[in-house]
């Protein structure tokens, strides 16, 4: 799901997506395990090493037949964050939900000129 979202968001001229491989390498270089709790200072370290001012993180969960996706856009430069959510009514709607979420992220980043 992260690759779908990264590809979809990265189609915007105002957004530069960092590849999951690069984030993985940065985490490895900083000795942060994939299971680590990503608190604010840790996210700041990853962002600094990735040369970004804005971080998008999130999670998804299946609740019965529904799939809920939560994303948090953190503008580290301004110390602001926005949480957005999308739902899919099953596996068949997941692509549409990711597309809607990507659209929201692009809109927020375009408005803030900060992603």
PDB file of N, CA and C in Angstrom:
ATOM      1  N   UNK A   1       0.822  -1.184   0.000  1.00  0.00           N
ATOM      2  CA  UNK A   1       0.000   0.000   0.000  1.00  0.00           C
ATOM      3  C   UNK A   1       0.872   1.256   0.000  1.00  0.00           C
ATOM      4  N   UNK A   2       2.011   1.227   0.702  1.00  0.00           N
ATOM      5  CA  UNK A   2       2.872   2.409   0.750  1.00  0.00           C
ATOM      6  C   UNK A   2       3.426   2.761  -0.615  1.00  0.00           C
ATOM      7  N   UNK A   3       3.738   1.754  -1.415  1.00  0.00           N
ATOM      8  CA  UNK A   3       4.253   2.017  -2.758  1.00  0.00           C
ATOM      9  C   UNK A   3       3.174   2.631  -3.650  1.00  0.00           C
ATOM     10  N   UNK A   4       1.936   2.128  -3.538  1.00  0.00           N
ATOM     11  CA  UNK A   4       0.834   2.701  -4.319  1.00  0.00           C
ATOM     12  C   UNK A   4       0.656   4.171  -3.968  1.00  0.00           C
ATOM     13  N   UNK A   5       0.640   4.467  -2.684  1.00  0.00           N
ATOM     14  CA  UNK A   5       0.434   5.836  -2.222  1.00  0.00           C
ATOM     15  C   UNK A   5       1.602   6.730  -2.638  1.00  0.00           C
ATOM     16  N   UNK A   6       2.815   6.242  -2.471  1.00  0.00           N
ATOM     17  CA  UNK A   6       4.001   7.016  -2.838  1.00  0.00           C
ATOM     18  C   UNK A   6       3.996   7.349  -4.331  1.00  0.00           C
ATOM     19  N   UNK A   7       3.658   6.377  -5.151  1.00  0.00           N
ATOM     20  CA  UNK A   7       3.602   6.594  -6.596  1.00  0.00           C
ATOM     21  C   UNK A   7       2.523   7.602  -6.952  1.00  0.00           C
ATOM     22  N   UNK A   8       1.349   7.446  -6.345  1.00  0.00           N
ATOM     23  CA  UNK A   8       0.223   8.334  -6.626  1.00  0.00           C
ATOM     24  C   UNK A   8       0.513   9.758  -6.165  1.00  0.00           C
ATOM     25  N   UNK A   9       1.056   9.916  -4.976  1.00  0.00           N
ATOM     26  CA  UNK A   9       1.377  11.250  -4.448  1.00  0.00           C
ATOM     27  C   UNK A   9       2.505  11.878  -5.252  1.00  0.00           C
ATOM     28  N   UNK A  10       3.476  11.078  -5.644  1.00  0.00           N
ATOM     29  CA  UNK A  10       4.644  11.572  -6.360  1.00  0.00           C
ATOM     30  C   UNK A  10       4.362  12.097  -7.749  1.00  0.00           C
ATOM     31  N   UNK A  11       3.148  11.930  -8.241  1.00  0.00           N
ATOM     32  CA  UNK A  11       2.789  12.430  -9.563  1.00  0.00           C
ATOM     33  C   UNK A  11       2.549  13.937  -9.562  1.00  0.00           C
ATOM     34  N   UNK A  12       2.609  14.553  -8.409  1.00  0.00           N
ATOM     35  CA  UNK A  12       2.396  15.989  -8.282  1.00  0.00           C
ATOM     36  C   UNK A  12       3.719  16.726  -8.445  1.00  0.00           C
ATOM     37  N   UNK A  13       3.660  17.887  -9.078  1.00  0.00           N
ATOM     38  CA  UNK A  13       4.863  18.704  -9.243  1.00  0.00           C
ATOM     39  C   UNK A  13       5.317  19.317  -7.923  1.00  0.00           C
ATOM     40  N   UNK A  14       4.406  19.421  -6.951  1.00  0.00           N
ATOM     41  CA  UNK A  14       4.754  20.070  -5.678  1.00  0.00           C
ATOM     42  C   UNK A  14       5.205  19.092  -4.606  1.00  0.00           C
ATOM     43  N   UNK A  15       5.287  17.801  -4.944  1.00  0.00           N
ATOM     44  CA  UNK A  15       5.635  16.781  -3.955  1.00  0.00           C
ATOM     45  C   UNK A  15       6.804  15.957  -4.465  1.00  0.00           C
ATOM     46  N   UNK A  16       7.775  15.735  -3.591  1.00  0.00           N
ATOM     47  CA  UNK A  16       8.894  14.843  -3.912  1.00  0.00           C
ATOM     48  C   UNK A  16       8.825  13.686  -2.930  1.00  0.00           C
ATOM     49  N   UNK A  17       8.577  12.515  -3.443  1.00  0.00           N
ATOM     50  CA  UNK A  17       8.479  11.334  -2.589  1.00  0.00           C
ATOM     51  C   UNK A  17       9.852  10.692  -2.429  1.00  0.00           C
ATOM     52  N   UNK A  18      10.164  10.303  -1.201  1.00  0.00           N
ATOM     53  CA  UNK A  18      11.389   9.574  -0.916  1.00  0.00           C
ATOM     54  C   UNK A  18      11.050   8.090  -0.999  1.00  0.00           C
ATOM     55  N   UNK A  19      11.827   7.321  -1.720  1.00  0.00           N
ATOM     56  CA  UNK A  19      11.533   5.900  -1.904  1.00  0.00           C
ATOM     57  C   UNK A  19      11.619   5.137  -0.581  1.00  0.00           C
ATOM     58  N   UNK A  20      10.860   4.074  -0.500  1.00  0.00           N
ATOM     59  CA  UNK A  20      10.885   3.255   0.713  1.00  0.00           C
ATOM     60  C   UNK A  20      12.270   2.638   0.908  1.00  0.00           C
ATOM     61  N   UNK A  21      12.980   2.376  -0.189  1.00  0.00           N
ATOM     62  CA  UNK A  21      14.342   1.855  -0.077  1.00  0.00           C
ATOM     63  C   UNK A  21      15.250   2.876   0.598  1.00  0.00           C
ATOM     64  N   UNK A  22      15.108   4.140   0.222  1.00  0.00           N
ATOM     65  CA  UNK A  22      15.932   5.196   0.831  1.00  0.00           C
ATOM     66  C   UNK A  22      15.599   5.362   2.308  1.00  0.00           C
ATOM     67  N   UNK A  23      14.312   5.353   2.644  1.00  0.00           N
ATOM     68  CA  UNK A  23      13.914   5.461   4.048  1.00  0.00           C
ATOM     69  C   UNK A  23      14.466   4.277   4.832  1.00  0.00           C
ATOM     70  N   UNK A  24      14.386   3.086   4.250  1.00  0.00           N
ATOM     71  CA  UNK A  24      14.943   1.904   4.906  1.00  0.00           C
ATOM     72  C   UNK A  24      16.429   2.030   5.151  1.00  0.00           C
ATOM     73  N   UNK A  25      17.160   2.569   4.169  1.00  0.00           N
ATOM     74  CA  UNK A  25      18.599   2.753   4.315  1.00  0.00           C
ATOM     75  C   UNK A  25      18.907   3.787   5.398  1.00  0.00           C
ATOM     76  N   UNK A  26      18.141   4.876   5.426  1.00  0.00           N
ATOM     77  CA  UNK A  26      18.339   5.903   6.452  1.00  0.00           C
ATOM     78  C   UNK A  26      18.093   5.305   7.833  1.00  0.00           C
ATOM     79  N   UNK A  27      17.025   4.526   7.968  1.00  0.00           N
ATOM     80  CA  UNK A  27      16.735   3.897   9.267  1.00  0.00           C
ATOM     81  C   UNK A  27      17.864   2.953   9.671  1.00  0.00           C
ATOM     82  N   UNK A  28      18.375   2.212   8.708  1.00  0.00           N
ATOM     83  CA  UNK A  28      19.485   1.308   9.002  1.00  0.00           C
ATOM     84  C   UNK A  28      20.720   2.098   9.436  1.00  0.00           C
ATOM     85  N   UNK A  29      21.023   3.182   8.721  1.00  0.00           N
ATOM     86  CA  UNK A  29      22.173   4.020   9.057  1.00  0.00           C
ATOM     87  C   UNK A  29      22.039   4.624  10.455  1.00  0.00           C
ATOM     88  N   UNK A  30      20.805   4.942  10.859  1.00  0.00           N
ATOM     89  CA  UNK A  30      20.550   5.534  12.174  1.00  0.00           C
ATOM     90  C   UNK A  30      20.322   4.472  13.256  1.00  0.00           C
ATOM     91  N   UNK A  31      20.443   3.197  12.876  1.00  0.00           N
ATOM     92  CA  UNK A  31      20.250   2.071  13.797  1.00  0.00           C
ATOM     93  C   UNK A  31      18.834   2.058  14.383  1.00  0.00           C
ATOM     94  N   UNK A  32      17.851   2.320  13.519  1.00  0.00           N
ATOM     95  CA  UNK A  32      16.444   2.281  13.917  1.00  0.00           C
ATOM     96  C   UNK A  32      15.831   1.039  13.285  1.00  0.00           C
ATOM     97  N   UNK A  33      15.276   0.169  14.099  1.00  0.00           N
ATOM     98  CA  UNK A  33      14.687  -1.060  13.581  1.00  0.00           C
ATOM     99  C   UNK A  33      13.304  -0.761  12.995  1.00  0.00           C
ATOM    100  N   UNK A  34      12.860  -1.576  12.038  1.00  0.00           N
ATOM    101  CA  UNK A  34      11.531  -1.376  11.459  1.00  0.00           C
ATOM    102  C   UNK A  34      10.406  -1.455  12.503  1.00  0.00           C
ATOM    103  N   UNK A  35      10.629  -2.152  13.609  1.00  0.00           N
ATOM    104  CA  UNK A  35       9.622  -2.298  14.652  1.00  0.00           C
ATOM    105  C   UNK A  35       9.664  -1.164  15.676  1.00  0.00           C
ATOM    106  N   UNK A  36      10.613  -0.254  15.545  1.00  0.00           N
ATOM    107  CA  UNK A  36      10.797   0.806  16.539  1.00  0.00           C
ATOM    108  C   UNK A  36       9.599   1.745  16.580  1.00  0.00           C
ATOM    109  N   UNK A  37       9.361   2.299  17.754  1.00  0.00           N
ATOM    110  CA  UNK A  37       8.332   3.317  17.935  1.00  0.00           C
ATOM    111  C   UNK A  37       8.853   4.609  17.316  1.00  0.00           C
ATOM    112  N   UNK A  38       8.151   5.122  16.329  1.00  0.00           N
ATOM    113  CA  UNK A  38       8.609   6.325  15.653  1.00  0.00           C
ATOM    114  C   UNK A  38       8.023   7.561  16.326  1.00  0.00           C
ATOM    115  N   UNK A  39       8.660   7.969  17.413  1.00  0.00           N
ATOM    116  CA  UNK A  39       8.234   9.171  18.122  1.00  0.00           C
ATOM    117  C   UNK A  39       8.735  10.404  17.362  1.00  0.00           C
ATOM    118  N   UNK A  40       8.342  11.583  17.815  1.00  0.00           N
ATOM    119  CA  UNK A  40       8.675  12.831  17.110  1.00  0.00           C
ATOM    120  C   UNK A  40      10.178  13.025  16.905  1.00  0.00           C
ATOM    121  N   UNK A  41      11.021  12.809  17.923  1.00  0.00           N
ATOM    122  CA  UNK A  41      12.459  12.982  17.688  1.00  0.00           C
ATOM    123  C   UNK A  41      13.023  12.000  16.649  1.00  0.00           C
ATOM    124  N   UNK A  42      12.521  10.771  16.662  1.00  0.00           N
ATOM    125  CA  UNK A  42      12.989   9.772  15.696  1.00  0.00           C
ATOM    126  C   UNK A  42      12.569  10.152  14.285  1.00  0.00           C
ATOM    127  N   UNK A  43      11.326  10.580  14.122  1.00  0.00           N
ATOM    128  CA  UNK A  43      10.854  11.027  12.811  1.00  0.00           C
ATOM    129  C   UNK A  43      11.685  12.216  12.341  1.00  0.00           C
ATOM    130  N   UNK A  44      12.011  13.121  13.245  1.00  0.00           N
ATOM    131  CA  UNK A  44      12.851  14.266  12.905  1.00  0.00           C
ATOM    132  C   UNK A  44      14.223  13.850  12.414  1.00  0.00           C
ATOM    133  N   UNK A  45      14.812  12.841  13.050  1.00  0.00           N
ATOM    134  CA  UNK A  45      16.126  12.343  12.628  1.00  0.00           C
ATOM    135  C   UNK A  45      16.053  11.726  11.236  1.00  0.00           C
ATOM    136  N   UNK A  46      14.995  10.938  11.000  1.00  0.00           N
ATOM    137  CA  UNK A  46      14.824  10.309   9.680  1.00  0.00           C
ATOM    138  C   UNK A  46      14.620  11.384   8.619  1.00  0.00           C
ATOM    139  N   UNK A  47      13.783  12.383   8.917  1.00  0.00           N
ATOM    140  CA  UNK A  47      13.520  13.464   7.963  1.00  0.00           C
ATOM    141  C   UNK A  47      14.789  14.251   7.666  1.00  0.00           C
ATOM    142  N   UNK A  48      15.554  14.540   8.703  1.00  0.00           N
ATOM    143  CA  UNK A  48      16.795  15.287   8.526  1.00  0.00           C
ATOM    144  C   UNK A  48      17.756  14.540   7.604  1.00  0.00           C
ATOM    145  N   UNK A  49      17.922  13.254   7.833  1.00  0.00           N
ATOM    146  CA  UNK A  49      18.820  12.445   7.000  1.00  0.00           C
ATOM    147  C   UNK A  49      18.280  12.253   5.585  1.00  0.00           C
ATOM    148  N   UNK A  50      16.962  12.373   5.427  1.00  0.00           N
ATOM    149  CA  UNK A  50      16.332  12.211   4.106  1.00  0.00           C
ATOM    150  C   UNK A  50      16.213  13.546   3.384  1.00  0.00           C
ATOM    151  N   UNK A  51      16.602  14.635   4.072  1.00  0.00           N
ATOM    152  CA  UNK A  51      16.559  15.980   3.510  1.00  0.00           C
ATOM    153  C   UNK A  51      15.133  16.395   3.128  1.00  0.00           C
ATOM    154  N   UNK A  52      14.189  16.185   4.061  1.00  0.00           N
ATOM    155  CA  UNK A  52      12.796  16.573   3.840  1.00  0.00           C
ATOM    156  C   UNK A  52      12.296  17.401   5.023  1.00  0.00           C
ATOM    157  N   UNK A  53      11.313  18.240   4.747  1.00  0.00           N
ATOM    158  CA  UNK A  53      10.686  19.059   5.780  1.00  0.00           C
ATOM    159  C   UNK A  53       9.320  18.537   6.189  1.00  0.00           C
ATOM    160  N   UNK A  54       8.740  17.675   5.345  1.00  0.00           N
ATOM    161  CA  UNK A  54       7.405  17.150   5.603  1.00  0.00           C
ATOM    162  C   UNK A  54       7.433  15.632   5.519  1.00  0.00           C
ATOM    163  N   UNK A  55       6.766  14.998   6.480  1.00  0.00           N
ATOM    164  CA  UNK A  55       6.729  13.537   6.544  1.00  0.00           C
ATOM    165  C   UNK A  55       5.275  13.082   6.524  1.00  0.00           C
ATOM    166  N   UNK A  56       5.004  12.065   5.722  1.00  0.00           N
ATOM    167  CA  UNK A  56       3.689  11.427   5.715  1.00  0.00           C
ATOM    168  C   UNK A  56       3.875  10.027   6.266  1.00  0.00           C
ATOM    169  N   UNK A  57       3.155   9.723   7.334  1.00  0.00           N
ATOM    170  CA  UNK A  57       3.213   8.381   7.917  1.00  0.00           C
ATOM    171  C   UNK A  57       1.782   7.919   8.137  1.00  0.00           C
ATOM    172  N   UNK A  58       1.623   6.641   8.365  1.00  0.00           N
ATOM    173  CA  UNK A  58       0.267   6.169   8.588  1.00  0.00           C
ATOM    174  C   UNK A  58       0.176   4.689   8.844  1.00  0.00           C
ATOM    175  N   UNK A  59      -1.056   4.249   8.880  1.00  0.00           N
ATOM    176  CA  UNK A  59      -1.324   2.842   9.133  1.00  0.00           C
ATOM    177  C   UNK A  59      -2.670   2.484   8.500  1.00  0.00           C
ATOM    178  N   UNK A  60      -2.912   1.190   8.442  1.00  0.00           N
ATOM    179  CA  UNK A  60      -4.219   0.740   7.965  1.00  0.00           C
ATOM    180  C   UNK A  60      -4.656  -0.437   8.809  1.00  0.00           C
ATOM    181  N   UNK A  61      -5.963  -0.606   8.876  1.00  0.00           N
ATOM    182  CA  UNK A  61      -6.524  -1.708   9.661  1.00  0.00           C
ATOM    183  C   UNK A  61      -7.787  -2.206   8.985  1.00  0.00           C
ATOM    184  N   UNK A  62      -7.989  -3.509   9.082  1.00  0.00           N
ATOM    185  CA  UNK A  62      -9.223  -4.087   8.563  1.00  0.00           C
ATOM    186  C   UNK A  62     -10.203  -4.215   9.715  1.00  0.00           C
ATOM    187  N   UNK A  63     -11.374  -3.641   9.530  1.00  0.00           N
ATOM    188  CA  UNK A  63     -12.433  -3.666  10.531  1.00  0.00           C
ATOM    189  C   UNK A  63     -13.641  -4.345   9.894  1.00  0.00           C
ATOM    190  N   UNK A  64     -13.745  -5.636  10.100  1.00  0.00           N
ATOM    191  CA  UNK A  64     -14.793  -6.393   9.411  1.00  0.00           C
ATOM    192  C   UNK A  64     -14.483  -6.409   7.930  1.00  0.00           C
ATOM    193  N   UNK A  65     -15.444  -5.975   7.121  1.00  0.00           N
ATOM    194  CA  UNK A  65     -15.237  -5.905   5.671  1.00  0.00           C
ATOM    195  C   UNK A  65     -14.576  -4.595   5.248  1.00  0.00           C
ATOM    196  N   UNK A  66     -14.504  -3.633   6.124  1.00  0.00           N
ATOM    197  CA  UNK A  66     -13.982  -2.304   5.808  1.00  0.00           C
ATOM    198  C   UNK A  66     -12.480  -2.221   6.100  1.00  0.00           C
ATOM    199  N   UNK A  67     -11.808  -1.414   5.317  1.00  0.00           N
ATOM    200  CA  UNK A  67     -10.389  -1.148   5.513  1.00  0.00           C
ATOM    201  C   UNK A  67     -10.252   0.346   5.767  1.00  0.00           C
ATOM    202  N   UNK A  68      -9.639   0.695   6.875  1.00  0.00           N
ATOM    203  CA  UNK A  68      -9.457   2.100   7.253  1.00  0.00           C
ATOM    204  C   UNK A  68      -7.982   2.465   7.118  1.00  0.00           C
ATOM    205  N   UNK A  69      -7.734   3.586   6.472  1.00  0.00           N
ATOM    206  CA  UNK A  69      -6.376   4.074   6.284  1.00  0.00           C
ATOM    207  C   UNK A  69      -6.275   5.427   6.985  1.00  0.00           C
ATOM    208  N   UNK A  70      -5.312   5.555   7.880  1.00  0.00           N
ATOM    209  CA  UNK A  70      -5.050   6.804   8.583  1.00  0.00           C
ATOM    210  C   UNK A  70      -3.683   7.310   8.146  1.00  0.00           C
ATOM    211  N   UNK A  71      -3.598   8.586   7.829  1.00  0.00           N
ATOM    212  CA  UNK A  71      -2.321   9.191   7.445  1.00  0.00           C
ATOM    213  C   UNK A  71      -2.125  10.486   8.215  1.00  0.00           C
ATOM    214  N   UNK A  72      -0.881  10.740   8.561  1.00  0.00           N
ATOM    215  CA  UNK A  72      -0.532  11.969   9.268  1.00  0.00           C
ATOM    216  C   UNK A  72       0.527  12.699   8.457  1.00  0.00           C
ATOM    217  N   UNK A  73       0.239  13.952   8.126  1.00  0.00           N
ATOM    218  CA  UNK A  73       1.177  14.796   7.396  1.00  0.00           C
ATOM    219  C   UNK A  73       1.791  15.739   8.419  1.00  0.00           C
ATOM    220  N   UNK A  74       3.099  15.626   8.594  1.00  0.00           N
ATOM    221  CA  UNK A  74       3.796  16.438   9.594  1.00  0.00           C
ATOM    222  C   UNK A  74       4.735  17.418   8.903  1.00  0.00           C
ATOM    223  N   UNK A  75       4.447  18.690   9.056  1.00  0.00           N
ATOM    224  CA  UNK A  75       5.299  19.750   8.540  1.00  0.00           C
ATOM    225  C   UNK A  75       6.297  20.073   9.649  1.00  0.00           C
ATOM    226  N   UNK A  76       7.465  19.496   9.574  1.00  0.00           N
ATOM    227  CA  UNK A  76       8.462  19.632  10.634  1.00  0.00           C
ATOM    228  C   UNK A  76       9.038  21.045  10.703  1.00  0.00           C
ATOM    229  N   UNK A  77       9.070  21.719   9.587  1.00  0.00           N
ATOM    230  CA  UNK A  77       9.600  23.076   9.542  1.00  0.00           C
ATOM    231  C   UNK A  77       8.710  24.042  10.333  1.00  0.00           C
ATOM    232  N   UNK A  78       7.396  23.867  10.201  1.00  0.00           N
ATOM    233  CA  UNK A  78       6.441  24.757  10.870  1.00  0.00           C
ATOM    234  C   UNK A  78       5.894  24.179  12.175  1.00  0.00           C
ATOM    235  N   UNK A  79       6.219  22.912  12.454  1.00  0.00           N
ATOM    236  CA  UNK A  79       5.714  22.277  13.667  1.00  0.00           C
ATOM    237  C   UNK A  79       4.220  22.027  13.633  1.00  0.00           C
ATOM    238  N   UNK A  80       3.665  21.733  12.450  1.00  0.00           N
ATOM    239  CA  UNK A  80       2.236  21.505  12.290  1.00  0.00           C
ATOM    240  C   UNK A  80       1.992  20.102  11.748  1.00  0.00           C
ATOM    241  N   UNK A  81       0.811  19.568  12.047  1.00  0.00           N
ATOM    242  CA  UNK A  81       0.449  18.272  11.484  1.00  0.00           C
ATOM    243  C   UNK A  81      -1.041  18.223  11.189  1.00  0.00           C
ATOM    244  N   UNK A  82      -1.390  17.378  10.238  1.00  0.00           N
ATOM    245  CA  UNK A  82      -2.771  17.162   9.827  1.00  0.00           C
ATOM    246  C   UNK A  82      -2.975  15.661   9.727  1.00  0.00           C
ATOM    247  N   UNK A  83      -4.088  15.177  10.252  1.00  0.00           N
ATOM    248  CA  UNK A  83      -4.429  13.763  10.133  1.00  0.00           C
ATOM    249  C   UNK A  83      -5.598  13.625   9.166  1.00  0.00           C
ATOM    250  N   UNK A  84      -5.468  12.686   8.235  1.00  0.00           N
ATOM    251  CA  UNK A  84      -6.540  12.423   7.283  1.00  0.00           C
ATOM    252  C   UNK A  84      -6.842  10.930   7.290  1.00  0.00           C
ATOM    253  N   UNK A  85      -8.071  10.597   6.913  1.00  0.00           N
ATOM    254  CA  UNK A  85      -8.509   9.209   6.952  1.00  0.00           C
ATOM    255  C   UNK A  85      -9.308   8.881   5.697  1.00  0.00           C
ATOM    256  N   UNK A  86      -9.237   7.641   5.311  1.00  0.00           N
ATOM    257  CA  UNK A  86     -10.048   7.126   4.209  1.00  0.00           C
ATOM    258  C   UNK A  86     -10.499   5.728   4.572  1.00  0.00           C
ATOM    259  N   UNK A  87     -11.610   5.304   3.983  1.00  0.00           N
ATOM    260  CA  UNK A  87     -12.106   3.948   4.185  1.00  0.00           C
ATOM    261  C   UNK A  87     -12.448   3.316   2.853  1.00  0.00           C
ATOM    262  N   UNK A  88     -12.264   2.011   2.809  1.00  0.00           N
ATOM    263  CA  UNK A  88     -12.652   1.213   1.649  1.00  0.00           C
ATOM    264  C   UNK A  88     -13.603   0.131   2.137  1.00  0.00           C
ATOM    265  N   UNK A  89     -14.623  -0.126   1.362  1.00  0.00           N
ATOM    266  CA  UNK A  89     -15.605  -1.146   1.731  1.00  0.00           C
ATOM    267  C   UNK A  89     -15.152  -2.503   1.203  1.00  0.00           C
ATOM    268  N   UNK A  90     -13.934  -2.875   1.517  1.00  0.00           N
ATOM    269  CA  UNK A  90     -13.397  -4.166   1.102  1.00  0.00           C
ATOM    270  C   UNK A  90     -12.208  -4.013   0.170  1.00  0.00           C
ATOM    271  N   UNK A  91     -11.604  -5.146  -0.150  1.00  0.00           N
ATOM    272  CA  UNK A  91     -10.388  -5.169  -0.966  1.00  0.00           C
ATOM    273  C   UNK A  91     -10.568  -4.526  -2.334  1.00  0.00           C
ATOM    274  N   UNK A  92     -11.754  -4.671  -2.911  1.00  0.00           N
ATOM    275  CA  UNK A  92     -11.983  -4.157  -4.266  1.00  0.00           C
ATOM    276  C   UNK A  92     -11.964  -2.637  -4.327  1.00  0.00           C
ATOM    277  N   UNK A  93     -12.180  -1.985  -3.213  1.00  0.00           N
ATOM    278  CA  UNK A  93     -12.210  -0.518  -3.195  1.00  0.00           C
ATOM    279  C   UNK A  93     -10.918   0.105  -2.662  1.00  0.00           C
ATOM    280  N   UNK A  94      -9.923  -0.714  -2.366  1.00  0.00           N
ATOM    281  CA  UNK A  94      -8.700  -0.201  -1.759  1.00  0.00           C
ATOM    282  C   UNK A  94      -7.964   0.765  -2.687  1.00  0.00           C
ATOM    283  N   UNK A  95      -7.940   0.477  -3.983  1.00  0.00           N
ATOM    284  CA  UNK A  95      -7.244   1.357  -4.922  1.00  0.00           C
ATOM    285  C   UNK A  95      -7.900   2.733  -4.966  1.00  0.00           C
ATOM    286  N   UNK A  96      -9.214   2.772  -4.965  1.00  0.00           N
ATOM    287  CA  UNK A  96      -9.939   4.047  -4.975  1.00  0.00           C
ATOM    288  C   UNK A  96      -9.681   4.815  -3.682  1.00  0.00           C
ATOM    289  N   UNK A  97      -9.629   4.118  -2.551  1.00  0.00           N
ATOM    290  CA  UNK A  97      -9.375   4.775  -1.265  1.00  0.00           C
ATOM    291  C   UNK A  97      -7.961   5.355  -1.229  1.00  0.00           C
ATOM    292  N   UNK A  98      -6.985   4.615  -1.726  1.00  0.00           N
ATOM    293  CA  UNK A  98      -5.600   5.116  -1.767  1.00  0.00           C
ATOM    294  C   UNK A  98      -5.517   6.318  -2.704  1.00  0.00           C
ATOM    295  N   UNK A  99      -6.233   6.274  -3.818  1.00  0.00           N
ATOM    296  CA  UNK A  99      -6.248   7.388  -4.756  1.00  0.00           C
ATOM    297  C   UNK A  99      -6.849   8.639  -4.114  1.00  0.00           C
ATOM    298  N   UNK A 100      -7.944   8.478  -3.366  1.00  0.00           N
ATOM    299  CA  UNK A 100      -8.555   9.619  -2.664  1.00  0.00           C
ATOM    300  C   UNK A 100      -7.598  10.184  -1.614  1.00  0.00           C
ATOM    301  N   UNK A 101      -6.938   9.291  -0.884  1.00  0.00           N
ATOM    302  CA  UNK A 101      -5.982   9.718   0.138  1.00  0.00           C
ATOM    303  C   UNK A 101      -4.821  10.482  -0.503  1.00  0.00           C
ATOM    304  N   UNK A 102      -4.300   9.969  -1.597  1.00  0.00           N
ATOM    305  CA  UNK A 102      -3.212  10.643  -2.308  1.00  0.00           C
ATOM    306  C   UNK A 102      -3.650  12.023  -2.781  1.00  0.00           C
ATOM    307  N   UNK A 103      -4.877  12.128  -3.251  1.00  0.00           N
ATOM    308  CA  UNK A 103      -5.399  13.426  -3.675  1.00  0.00           C
ATOM    309  C   UNK A 103      -5.441  14.417  -2.527  1.00  0.00           C
ATOM    310  N   UNK A 104      -5.850  13.947  -1.352  1.00  0.00           N
ATOM    311  CA  UNK A 104      -5.869  14.820  -0.177  1.00  0.00           C
ATOM    312  C   UNK A 104      -4.455  15.263   0.199  1.00  0.00           C
ATOM    313  N   UNK A 105      -3.518  14.344   0.150  1.00  0.00           N
ATOM    314  CA  UNK A 105      -2.129  14.675   0.485  1.00  0.00           C
ATOM    315  C   UNK A 105      -1.581  15.694  -0.506  1.00  0.00           C
ATOM    316  N   UNK A 106      -1.811  15.470  -1.803  1.00  0.00           N
ATOM    317  CA  UNK A 106      -1.334  16.426  -2.817  1.00  0.00           C
ATOM    318  C   UNK A 106      -1.955  17.801  -2.600  1.00  0.00           C
ATOM    319  N   UNK A 107      -3.245  17.832  -2.283  1.00  0.00           N
ATOM    320  CA  UNK A 107      -3.938  19.106  -2.065  1.00  0.00           C
ATOM    321  C   UNK A 107      -3.352  19.847  -0.858  1.00  0.00           C
ATOM    322  N   UNK A 108      -3.146  19.136   0.234  1.00  0.00           N
ATOM    323  CA  UNK A 108      -2.582  19.753   1.436  1.00  0.00           C
ATOM    324  C   UNK A 108      -1.169  20.252   1.160  1.00  0.00           C
ATOM    325  N   UNK A 109      -0.372  19.439   0.505  1.00  0.00           N
ATOM    326  CA  UNK A 109       1.009  19.837   0.207  1.00  0.00           C
ATOM    327  C   UNK A 109       1.063  20.994  -0.774  1.00  0.00           C
ATOM    328  N   UNK A 110       0.188  21.005  -1.741  1.00  0.00           N
ATOM    329  CA  UNK A 110       0.147  22.093  -2.703  1.00  0.00           C
ATOM    330  C   UNK A 110      -0.259  23.396  -2.026  1.00  0.00           C
ATOM    331  N   UNK A 111      -1.241  23.315  -1.139  1.00  0.00           N
ATOM    332  CA  UNK A 111      -1.717  24.491  -0.403  1.00  0.00           C
ATOM    333  C   UNK A 111      -0.619  25.052   0.486  1.00  0.00           C
ATOM    334  N   UNK A 112       0.087  24.158   1.167  1.00  0.00           N
ATOM    335  CA  UNK A 112       1.147  24.592   2.093  1.00  0.00           C
ATOM    336  C   UNK A 112       2.458  24.864   1.391  1.00  0.00           C
ATOM    337  N   UNK A 113       2.577  24.362   0.155  1.00  0.00           N
ATOM    338  CA  UNK A 113       3.839  24.470  -0.601  1.00  0.00           C
ATOM    339  C   UNK A 113       5.001  23.954   0.245  1.00  0.00           C
ATOM    340  N   UNK A 114       4.756  22.787   0.895  1.00  0.00           N
ATOM    341  CA  UNK A 114       5.750  22.333   1.875  1.00  0.00           C
ATOM    342  C   UNK A 114       6.064  20.854   1.809  1.00  0.00           C
ATOM    343  N   UNK A 115       5.661  20.144   0.799  1.00  0.00           N
ATOM    344  CA  UNK A 115       5.935  18.701   0.787  1.00  0.00           C
ATOM    345  C   UNK A 115       7.005  18.360  -0.219  1.00  0.00           C
TER     346      UNK A 115
END
